[in-house]
Amino acid sequence: MMMSSVRTAPGVVARHVGGETVLVPTRADVAHFDRVFVLSRVGAFLWPLIDGTRNRDELCRLLRDRYAVPADADVGKDVDAFLAALDERGLLTS
């Protein structure tokens, strides 16, 4: 999947609402303007880290550290799926 650094697309803001993290596109060309995206707890952890300074492997390492994931567990598939879902919705840029 994405090995280079990616960052969140301009015009997408994260808001904490009712105990959940919601992504809201604020520009019509980012995604459907009438849509919001609710992140899982892990997604909410990763979202602010997708800032263009970290690649996929670094995101995996930070995820392992934060949630004490055993070294032999494959978090890469989950990170890849999360990044792919964000990318499909126009919420990432390279």
PDB file of N, CA and C in Angstrom:
ATOM      1  N   MET A   1       0.856  -1.179   0.000  1.00  0.00           N
ATOM      2  CA  MET A   1       0.000   0.000   0.000  1.00  0.00           C
ATOM      3  C   MET A   1       0.887   1.222   0.000  1.00  0.00           C
ATOM      4  N   MET A   2       0.457   2.303   0.605  1.00  0.00           N
ATOM      5  CA  MET A   2       1.180   3.563   0.593  1.00  0.00           C
ATOM      6  C   MET A   2       2.408   3.491   1.489  1.00  0.00           C
ATOM      7  N   MET A   3       3.587   3.575   0.896  1.00  0.00           N
ATOM      8  CA  MET A   3       4.805   3.542   1.690  1.00  0.00           C
ATOM      9  C   MET A   3       5.336   4.950   1.913  1.00  0.00           C
ATOM     10  N   SER A   4       5.002   5.892   1.028  1.00  0.00           N
ATOM     11  CA  SER A   4       5.484   7.258   1.192  1.00  0.00           C
ATOM     12  C   SER A   4       4.609   7.996   2.205  1.00  0.00           C
ATOM     13  N   SER A   5       5.072   9.147   2.596  1.00  0.00           N
ATOM     14  CA  SER A   5       4.327   9.949   3.549  1.00  0.00           C
ATOM     15  C   SER A   5       3.076  10.517   2.892  1.00  0.00           C
ATOM     16  N   VAL A   6       2.015  10.511   3.632  1.00  0.00           N
ATOM     17  CA  VAL A   6       0.765  11.115   3.184  1.00  0.00           C
ATOM     18  C   VAL A   6       0.315  12.086   4.257  1.00  0.00           C
ATOM     19  N   ARG A   7      -0.603  12.944   3.883  1.00  0.00           N
ATOM     20  CA  ARG A   7      -1.168  13.866   4.867  1.00  0.00           C
ATOM     21  C   ARG A   7      -2.650  14.033   4.602  1.00  0.00           C
ATOM     22  N   THR A   8      -3.305  14.559   5.599  1.00  0.00           N
ATOM     23  CA  THR A   8      -4.734  14.782   5.452  1.00  0.00           C
ATOM     24  C   THR A   8      -4.964  15.877   4.426  1.00  0.00           C
ATOM     25  N   ALA A   9      -6.044  15.755   3.703  1.00  0.00           N
ATOM     26  CA  ALA A   9      -6.352  16.728   2.661  1.00  0.00           C
ATOM     27  C   ALA A   9      -6.725  18.074   3.281  1.00  0.00           C
ATOM     28  N   PRO A  10      -6.325  19.152   2.622  1.00  0.00           N
ATOM     29  CA  PRO A  10      -6.757  20.462   3.113  1.00  0.00           C
ATOM     30  C   PRO A  10      -8.284  20.538   3.039  1.00  0.00           C
ATOM     31  N   GLY A  11      -8.869  21.237   3.957  1.00  0.00           N
ATOM     32  CA  GLY A  11     -10.310  21.396   3.925  1.00  0.00           C
ATOM     33  C   GLY A  11     -11.072  20.303   4.641  1.00  0.00           C
ATOM     34  N   VAL A  12     -10.368  19.432   5.366  1.00  0.00           N
ATOM     35  CA  VAL A  12     -11.034  18.409   6.172  1.00  0.00           C
ATOM     36  C   VAL A  12     -10.682  18.686   7.627  1.00  0.00           C
ATOM     37  N   VAL A  13     -11.701  18.851   8.453  1.00  0.00           N
ATOM     38  CA  VAL A  13     -11.454  19.114   9.860  1.00  0.00           C
ATOM     39  C   VAL A  13     -11.993  17.957  10.692  1.00  0.00           C
ATOM     40  N   ALA A  14     -11.314  17.704  11.793  1.00  0.00           N
ATOM     41  CA  ALA A  14     -11.760  16.685  12.747  1.00  0.00           C
ATOM     42  C   ALA A  14     -12.404  17.398  13.921  1.00  0.00           C
ATOM     43  N   ARG A  15     -13.562  16.900  14.324  1.00  0.00           N
ATOM     44  CA  ARG A  15     -14.263  17.452  15.482  1.00  0.00           C
ATOM     45  C   ARG A  15     -14.657  16.312  16.399  1.00  0.00           C
ATOM     46  N   HIS A  16     -14.611  16.573  17.692  1.00  0.00           N
ATOM     47  CA  HIS A  16     -15.038  15.592  18.678  1.00  0.00           C
ATOM     48  C   HIS A  16     -16.478  15.919  19.054  1.00  0.00           C
ATOM     49  N   VAL A  17     -17.370  14.989  18.763  1.00  0.00           N
ATOM     50  CA  VAL A  17     -18.795  15.196  18.983  1.00  0.00           C
ATOM     51  C   VAL A  17     -19.362  13.976  19.687  1.00  0.00           C
ATOM     52  N   GLY A  18     -19.943  14.165  20.833  1.00  0.00           N
ATOM     53  CA  GLY A  18     -20.585  13.058  21.539  1.00  0.00           C
ATOM     54  C   GLY A  18     -19.669  11.883  21.790  1.00  0.00           C
ATOM     55  N   GLY A  19     -18.407  12.151  22.085  1.00  0.00           N
ATOM     56  CA  GLY A  19     -17.464  11.081  22.363  1.00  0.00           C
ATOM     57  C   GLY A  19     -16.892  10.409  21.131  1.00  0.00           C
ATOM     58  N   GLU A  20     -17.208  10.922  19.952  1.00  0.00           N
ATOM     59  CA  GLU A  20     -16.673  10.353  18.713  1.00  0.00           C
ATOM     60  C   GLU A  20     -15.910  11.422  17.944  1.00  0.00           C
ATOM     61  N   THR A  21     -14.996  10.963  17.095  1.00  0.00           N
ATOM     62  CA  THR A  21     -14.275  11.883  16.226  1.00  0.00           C
ATOM     63  C   THR A  21     -14.912  11.822  14.855  1.00  0.00           C
ATOM     64  N   VAL A  22     -15.284  12.982  14.355  1.00  0.00           N
ATOM     65  CA  VAL A  22     -15.988  13.101  13.084  1.00  0.00           C
ATOM     66  C   VAL A  22     -15.138  13.947  12.147  1.00  0.00           C
ATOM     67  N   LEU A  23     -14.968  13.474  10.915  1.00  0.00           N
ATOM     68  CA  LEU A  23     -14.275  14.249   9.889  1.00  0.00           C
ATOM     69  C   LEU A  23     -15.321  14.977   9.066  1.00  0.00           C
ATOM     70  N   VAL A  24     -15.099  16.269   8.877  1.00  0.00           N
ATOM     71  CA  VAL A  24     -16.052  17.093   8.137  1.00  0.00           C
ATOM     72  C   VAL A  24     -15.321  17.782   6.990  1.00  0.00           C
ATOM     73  N   PRO A  25     -15.673  17.436   5.754  1.00  0.00           N
ATOM     74  CA  PRO A  25     -15.094  18.156   4.618  1.00  0.00           C
ATOM     75  C   PRO A  25     -15.678  19.561   4.570  1.00  0.00           C
ATOM     76  N   THR A  26     -14.815  20.567   4.461  1.00  0.00           N
ATOM     77  CA  THR A  26     -15.291  21.948   4.424  1.00  0.00           C
ATOM     78  C   THR A  26     -15.189  22.560   3.038  1.00  0.00           C
ATOM     79  N   ARG A  27     -14.668  21.785   2.084  1.00  0.00           N
ATOM     80  CA  ARG A  27     -14.595  22.239   0.692  1.00  0.00           C
ATOM     81  C   ARG A  27     -15.316  21.231  -0.173  1.00  0.00           C
ATOM     82  N   ALA A  28     -16.067  21.713  -1.123  1.00  0.00           N
ATOM     83  CA  ALA A  28     -16.854  20.834  -1.984  1.00  0.00           C
ATOM     84  C   ALA A  28     -15.984  19.891  -2.805  1.00  0.00           C
ATOM     85  N   ASP A  29     -14.753  20.287  -3.122  1.00  0.00           N
ATOM     86  CA  ASP A  29     -13.913  19.431  -3.953  1.00  0.00           C
ATOM     87  C   ASP A  29     -13.149  18.378  -3.146  1.00  0.00           C
ATOM     88  N   VAL A  30     -13.286  18.365  -1.828  1.00  0.00           N
ATOM     89  CA  VAL A  30     -12.620  17.354  -1.007  1.00  0.00           C
ATOM     90  C   VAL A  30     -13.408  16.063  -1.026  1.00  0.00           C
ATOM     91  N   ALA A  31     -14.680  16.148  -0.839  1.00  0.00           N
ATOM     92  CA  ALA A  31     -15.578  14.992  -0.810  1.00  0.00           C
ATOM     93  C   ALA A  31     -16.984  15.546  -0.957  1.00  0.00           C
ATOM     94  N   HIS A  32     -17.956  14.687  -0.830  1.00  0.00           N
ATOM     95  CA  HIS A  32     -19.327  15.173  -0.874  1.00  0.00           C
ATOM     96  C   HIS A  32     -19.536  16.100   0.310  1.00  0.00           C
ATOM     97  N   PHE A  33     -19.934  17.322   0.025  1.00  0.00           N
ATOM     98  CA  PHE A  33     -20.035  18.333   1.066  1.00  0.00           C
ATOM     99  C   PHE A  33     -21.051  17.965   2.144  1.00  0.00           C
ATOM    100  N   ASP A  34     -22.025  17.151   1.781  1.00  0.00           N
ATOM    101  CA  ASP A  34     -23.072  16.797   2.742  1.00  0.00           C
ATOM    102  C   ASP A  34     -22.739  15.539   3.530  1.00  0.00           C
ATOM    103  N   ARG A  35     -21.496  15.088   3.505  1.00  0.00           N
ATOM    104  CA  ARG A  35     -21.109  13.864   4.206  1.00  0.00           C
ATOM    105  C   ARG A  35     -20.120  14.150   5.310  1.00  0.00           C
ATOM    106  N   VAL A  36     -20.253  13.394   6.377  1.00  0.00           N
ATOM    107  CA  VAL A  36     -19.264  13.407   7.450  1.00  0.00           C
ATOM    108  C   VAL A  36     -18.802  11.977   7.639  1.00  0.00           C
ATOM    109  N   PHE A  37     -17.650  11.803   8.257  1.00  0.00           N
ATOM    110  CA  PHE A  37     -17.062  10.487   8.434  1.00  0.00           C
ATOM    111  C   PHE A  37     -16.727  10.295   9.902  1.00  0.00           C
ATOM    112  N   VAL A  38     -17.228   9.222  10.487  1.00  0.00           N
ATOM    113  CA  VAL A  38     -16.975   8.930  11.896  1.00  0.00           C
ATOM    114  C   VAL A  38     -15.800   7.965  11.976  1.00  0.00           C
ATOM    115  N   LEU A  39     -14.815   8.307  12.803  1.00  0.00           N
ATOM    116  CA  LEU A  39     -13.623   7.476  12.958  1.00  0.00           C
ATOM    117  C   LEU A  39     -13.762   6.542  14.154  1.00  0.00           C
ATOM    118  N   SER A  40     -13.155   5.387  14.034  1.00  0.00           N
ATOM    119  CA  SER A  40     -13.028   4.482  15.171  1.00  0.00           C
ATOM    120  C   SER A  40     -12.030   5.099  16.157  1.00  0.00           C
ATOM    121  N   ARG A  41     -11.890   4.486  17.308  1.00  0.00           N
ATOM    122  CA  ARG A  41     -10.921   4.972  18.306  1.00  0.00           C
ATOM    123  C   ARG A  41      -9.507   4.941  17.717  1.00  0.00           C
ATOM    124  N   VAL A  42      -9.176   3.875  17.015  1.00  0.00           N
ATOM    125  CA  VAL A  42      -7.842   3.769  16.405  1.00  0.00           C
ATOM    126  C   VAL A  42      -7.697   4.795  15.284  1.00  0.00           C
ATOM    127  N   GLY A  43      -8.732   4.957  14.476  1.00  0.00           N
ATOM    128  CA  GLY A  43      -8.703   5.964  13.418  1.00  0.00           C
ATOM    129  C   GLY A  43      -8.516   7.362  13.982  1.00  0.00           C
ATOM    130  N   ALA A  44      -9.179   7.644  15.096  1.00  0.00           N
ATOM    131  CA  ALA A  44      -9.039   8.947  15.745  1.00  0.00           C
ATOM    132  C   ALA A  44      -7.622   9.149  16.268  1.00  0.00           C
ATOM    133  N   PHE A  45      -6.981   8.078  16.709  1.00  0.00           N
ATOM    134  CA  PHE A  45      -5.583   8.162  17.127  1.00  0.00           C
ATOM    135  C   PHE A  45      -4.678   8.460  15.928  1.00  0.00           C
ATOM    136  N   LEU A  46      -4.907   7.771  14.819  1.00  0.00           N
ATOM    137  CA  LEU A  46      -4.047   7.918  13.647  1.00  0.00           C
ATOM    138  C   LEU A  46      -4.248   9.238  12.904  1.00  0.00           C
ATOM    139  N   TRP A  47      -5.470   9.743  12.853  1.00  0.00           N
ATOM    140  CA  TRP A  47      -5.778  10.912  12.025  1.00  0.00           C
ATOM    141  C   TRP A  47      -4.800  12.077  12.217  1.00  0.00           C
ATOM    142  N   PRO A  48      -4.555  12.557  13.428  1.00  0.00           N
ATOM    143  CA  PRO A  48      -3.637  13.702  13.557  1.00  0.00           C
ATOM    144  C   PRO A  48      -2.178  13.359  13.244  1.00  0.00           C
ATOM    145  N   LEU A  49      -1.860  12.089  13.190  1.00  0.00           N
ATOM    146  CA  LEU A  49      -0.495  11.669  12.869  1.00  0.00           C
ATOM    147  C   LEU A  49      -0.235  11.633  11.367  1.00  0.00           C
ATOM    148  N   ILE A  50      -1.276  11.718  10.582  1.00  0.00           N
ATOM    149  CA  ILE A  50      -1.156  11.687   9.117  1.00  0.00           C
ATOM    150  C   ILE A  50      -0.910  13.128   8.664  1.00  0.00           C
ATOM    151  N   ASP A  51       0.309  13.584   8.903  1.00  0.00           N
ATOM    152  CA  ASP A  51       0.643  14.992   8.699  1.00  0.00           C
ATOM    153  C   ASP A  51       1.725  15.217   7.656  1.00  0.00           C
ATOM    154  N   GLY A  52       2.063  14.172   6.915  1.00  0.00           N
ATOM    155  CA  GLY A  52       3.079  14.305   5.871  1.00  0.00           C
ATOM    156  C   GLY A  52       4.492  14.051   6.345  1.00  0.00           C
ATOM    157  N   THR A  53       4.689  13.876   7.648  1.00  0.00           N
ATOM    158  CA  THR A  53       6.032  13.630   8.165  1.00  0.00           C
ATOM    159  C   THR A  53       6.268  12.157   8.476  1.00  0.00           C
ATOM    160  N   ARG A  54       5.214  11.353   8.426  1.00  0.00           N
ATOM    161  CA  ARG A  54       5.332   9.934   8.779  1.00  0.00           C
ATOM    162  C   ARG A  54       4.879   9.058   7.619  1.00  0.00           C
ATOM    163  N   ASN A  55       5.585   7.969   7.413  1.00  0.00           N
ATOM    164  CA  ASN A  55       5.153   7.013   6.397  1.00  0.00           C
ATOM    165  C   ASN A  55       4.330   5.904   7.070  1.00  0.00           C
ATOM    166  N   ARG A  56       3.902   4.976   6.298  1.00  0.00           N
ATOM    167  CA  ARG A  56       3.062   3.880   6.774  1.00  0.00           C
ATOM    168  C   ARG A  56       3.733   3.094   7.899  1.00  0.00           C
ATOM    169  N   ASP A  57       5.015   2.809   7.738  1.00  0.00           N
ATOM    170  CA  ASP A  57       5.717   2.028   8.757  1.00  0.00           C
ATOM    171  C   ASP A  57       5.778   2.767  10.092  1.00  0.00           C
ATOM    172  N   GLU A  58       5.970   4.074  10.040  1.00  0.00           N
ATOM    173  CA  GLU A  58       5.992   4.865  11.268  1.00  0.00           C
ATOM    174  C   GLU A  58       4.607   4.880  11.926  1.00  0.00           C
ATOM    175  N   LEU A  59       3.551   4.982  11.114  1.00  0.00           N
ATOM    176  CA  LEU A  59       2.193   4.925  11.667  1.00  0.00           C
ATOM    177  C   LEU A  59       1.954   3.579  12.348  1.00  0.00           C
ATOM    178  N   CYS A  60       2.438   2.508  11.737  1.00  0.00           N
ATOM    179  CA  CYS A  60       2.302   1.173  12.346  1.00  0.00           C
ATOM    180  C   CYS A  60       3.045   1.110  13.676  1.00  0.00           C
ATOM    181  N   ARG A  61       4.248   1.656  13.723  1.00  0.00           N
ATOM    182  CA  ARG A  61       5.025   1.641  14.955  1.00  0.00           C
ATOM    183  C   ARG A  61       4.325   2.416  16.065  1.00  0.00           C
ATOM    184  N   LEU A  62       3.815   3.591  15.727  1.00  0.00           N
ATOM    185  CA  LEU A  62       3.114   4.407  16.725  1.00  0.00           C
ATOM    186  C   LEU A  62       1.848   3.712  17.222  1.00  0.00           C
ATOM    187  N   LEU A  63       1.175   3.040  16.330  1.00  0.00           N
ATOM    188  CA  LEU A  63      -0.027   2.291  16.705  1.00  0.00           C
ATOM    189  C   LEU A  63       0.324   1.146  17.652  1.00  0.00           C
ATOM    190  N   ARG A  64       1.382   0.427  17.325  1.00  0.00           N
ATOM    191  CA  ARG A  64       1.852  -0.655  18.208  1.00  0.00           C
ATOM    192  C   ARG A  64       2.196  -0.131  19.602  1.00  0.00           C
ATOM    193  N   ASP A  65       2.920   0.989  19.639  1.00  0.00           N
ATOM    194  CA  ASP A  65       3.327   1.572  20.912  1.00  0.00           C
ATOM    195  C   ASP A  65       2.124   2.027  21.728  1.00  0.00           C
ATOM    196  N   ARG A  66       1.197   2.694  21.082  1.00  0.00           N
ATOM    197  CA  ARG A  66       0.038   3.263  21.796  1.00  0.00           C
ATOM    198  C   ARG A  66      -0.855   2.184  22.394  1.00  0.00           C
ATOM    199  N   TYR A  67      -1.072   1.114  21.630  1.00  0.00           N
ATOM    200  CA  TYR A  67      -2.014   0.079  22.054  1.00  0.00           C
ATOM    201  C   TYR A  67      -1.329  -1.207  22.507  1.00  0.00           C
ATOM    202  N   ALA A  68      -0.021  -1.161  22.720  1.00  0.00           N
ATOM    203  CA  ALA A  68       0.751  -2.314  23.192  1.00  0.00           C
ATOM    204  C   ALA A  68       0.448  -3.570  22.371  1.00  0.00           C
ATOM    205  N   VAL A  69       0.506  -3.399  21.050  1.00  0.00           N
ATOM    206  CA  VAL A  69       0.253  -4.510  20.131  1.00  0.00           C
ATOM    207  C   VAL A  69       1.503  -5.373  20.064  1.00  0.00           C
ATOM    208  N   PRO A  70       1.368  -6.687  20.198  1.00  0.00           N
ATOM    209  CA  PRO A  70       2.542  -7.570  20.105  1.00  0.00           C
ATOM    210  C   PRO A  70       3.253  -7.413  18.756  1.00  0.00           C
ATOM    211  N   ALA A  71       4.558  -7.551  18.787  1.00  0.00           N
ATOM    212  CA  ALA A  71       5.377  -7.351  17.588  1.00  0.00           C
ATOM    213  C   ALA A  71       5.001  -8.289  16.451  1.00  0.00           C
ATOM    214  N   ASP A  72       4.469  -9.463  16.765  1.00  0.00           N
ATOM    215  CA  ASP A  72       4.139 -10.411  15.705  1.00  0.00           C
ATOM    216  C   ASP A  72       2.738 -10.193  15.122  1.00  0.00           C
ATOM    217  N   ALA A  73       1.971  -9.271  15.672  1.00  0.00           N
ATOM    218  CA  ALA A  73       0.639  -8.958  15.122  1.00  0.00           C
ATOM    219  C   ALA A  73       0.797  -8.050  13.903  1.00  0.00           C
ATOM    220  N   ASP A  74       0.032  -8.319  12.863  1.00  0.00           N
ATOM    221  CA  ASP A  74       0.130  -7.563  11.619  1.00  0.00           C
ATOM    222  C   ASP A  74      -0.817  -6.367  11.641  1.00  0.00           C
ATOM    223  N   VAL A  75      -0.332  -5.224  12.127  1.00  0.00           N
ATOM    224  CA  VAL A  75      -1.156  -4.016  12.108  1.00  0.00           C
ATOM    225  C   VAL A  75      -1.093  -3.327  10.746  1.00  0.00           C
ATOM    226  N   GLY A  76      -0.132  -3.720   9.935  1.00  0.00           N
ATOM    227  CA  GLY A  76       0.027  -3.115   8.616  1.00  0.00           C
ATOM    228  C   GLY A  76      -1.211  -3.234   7.754  1.00  0.00           C
ATOM    229  N   LYS A  77      -1.872  -4.386   7.798  1.00  0.00           N
ATOM    230  CA  LYS A  77      -3.093  -4.562   7.003  1.00  0.00           C
ATOM    231  C   LYS A  77      -4.165  -3.573   7.429  1.00  0.00           C
ATOM    232  N   ASP A  78      -4.289  -3.364   8.726  1.00  0.00           N
ATOM    233  CA  ASP A  78      -5.299  -2.437   9.230  1.00  0.00           C
ATOM    234  C   ASP A  78      -4.961  -0.992   8.867  1.00  0.00           C
ATOM    235  N   VAL A  79      -3.696  -0.630   9.000  1.00  0.00           N
ATOM    236  CA  VAL A  79      -3.280   0.719   8.622  1.00  0.00           C
ATOM    237  C   VAL A  79      -3.482   0.927   7.124  1.00  0.00           C
ATOM    238  N   ASP A  80      -3.117  -0.063   6.327  1.00  0.00           N
ATOM    239  CA  ASP A  80      -3.327   0.028   4.873  1.00  0.00           C
ATOM    240  C   ASP A  80      -4.801   0.221   4.541  1.00  0.00           C
ATOM    241  N   ALA A  81      -5.673  -0.548   5.199  1.00  0.00           N
ATOM    242  CA  ALA A  81      -7.113  -0.449   4.939  1.00  0.00           C
ATOM    243  C   ALA A  81      -7.641   0.928   5.338  1.00  0.00           C
ATOM    244  N   PHE A  82      -7.180   1.442   6.467  1.00  0.00           N
ATOM    245  CA  PHE A  82      -7.609   2.758   6.923  1.00  0.00           C
ATOM    246  C   PHE A  82      -7.167   3.841   5.945  1.00  0.00           C
ATOM    247  N   LEU A  83      -5.887   3.813   5.556  1.00  0.00           N
ATOM    248  CA  LEU A  83      -5.380   4.802   4.602  1.00  0.00           C
ATOM    249  C   LEU A  83      -6.091   4.700   3.259  1.00  0.00           C
ATOM    250  N   ALA A  84      -6.362   3.480   2.813  1.00  0.00           N
ATOM    251  CA  ALA A  84      -7.066   3.287   1.540  1.00  0.00           C
ATOM    252  C   ALA A  84      -8.482   3.857   1.610  1.00  0.00           C
ATOM    253  N   ALA A  85      -9.165   3.633   2.722  1.00  0.00           N
ATOM    254  CA  ALA A  85     -10.528   4.152   2.878  1.00  0.00           C
ATOM    255  C   ALA A  85     -10.522   5.683   2.876  1.00  0.00           C
ATOM    256  N   LEU A  86      -9.557   6.286   3.557  1.00  0.00           N
ATOM    257  CA  LEU A  86      -9.448   7.748   3.554  1.00  0.00           C
ATOM    258  C   LEU A  86      -9.149   8.253   2.149  1.00  0.00           C
ATOM    259  N   ASP A  87      -8.232   7.583   1.466  1.00  0.00           N
ATOM    260  CA  ASP A  87      -7.837   7.986   0.119  1.00  0.00           C
ATOM    261  C   ASP A  87      -9.012   7.889  -0.849  1.00  0.00           C
ATOM    262  N   GLU A  88      -9.772   6.802  -0.775  1.00  0.00           N
ATOM    263  CA  GLU A  88     -10.937   6.619  -1.659  1.00  0.00           C
ATOM    264  C   GLU A  88     -11.949   7.739  -1.499  1.00  0.00           C
ATOM    265  N   ARG A  89     -12.027   8.289  -0.308  1.00  0.00           N
ATOM    266  CA  ARG A  89     -13.001   9.351  -0.029  1.00  0.00           C
ATOM    267  C   ARG A  89     -12.423  10.752  -0.250  1.00  0.00           C
ATOM    268  N   GLY A  90     -11.190  10.815  -0.750  1.00  0.00           N
ATOM    269  CA  GLY A  90     -10.576  12.108  -1.030  1.00  0.00           C
ATOM    270  C   GLY A  90     -10.114  12.854   0.207  1.00  0.00           C
ATOM    271  N   LEU A  91      -9.841  12.111   1.291  1.00  0.00           N
ATOM    272  CA  LEU A  91      -9.477  12.746   2.554  1.00  0.00           C
ATOM    273  C   LEU A  91      -7.974  12.779   2.787  1.00  0.00           C
ATOM    274  N   LEU A  92      -7.189  12.291   1.819  1.00  0.00           N
ATOM    275  CA  LEU A  92      -5.722  12.301   1.905  1.00  0.00           C
ATOM    276  C   LEU A  92      -5.131  12.986   0.683  1.00  0.00           C
ATOM    277  N   THR A  93      -3.914  13.434   0.848  1.00  0.00           N
ATOM    278  CA  THR A  93      -3.133  13.947  -0.271  1.00  0.00           C
ATOM    279  C   THR A  93      -1.683  13.508  -0.052  1.00  0.00           C
ATOM    280  N   SER A  94      -0.902  13.443  -1.137  1.00  0.00           N
ATOM    281  CA  SER A  94       0.495  13.032  -0.963  1.00  0.00           C
ATOM    282  C   SER A  94       1.409  14.225  -0.932  1.00  0.00           C
TER     283      SER A  94
END
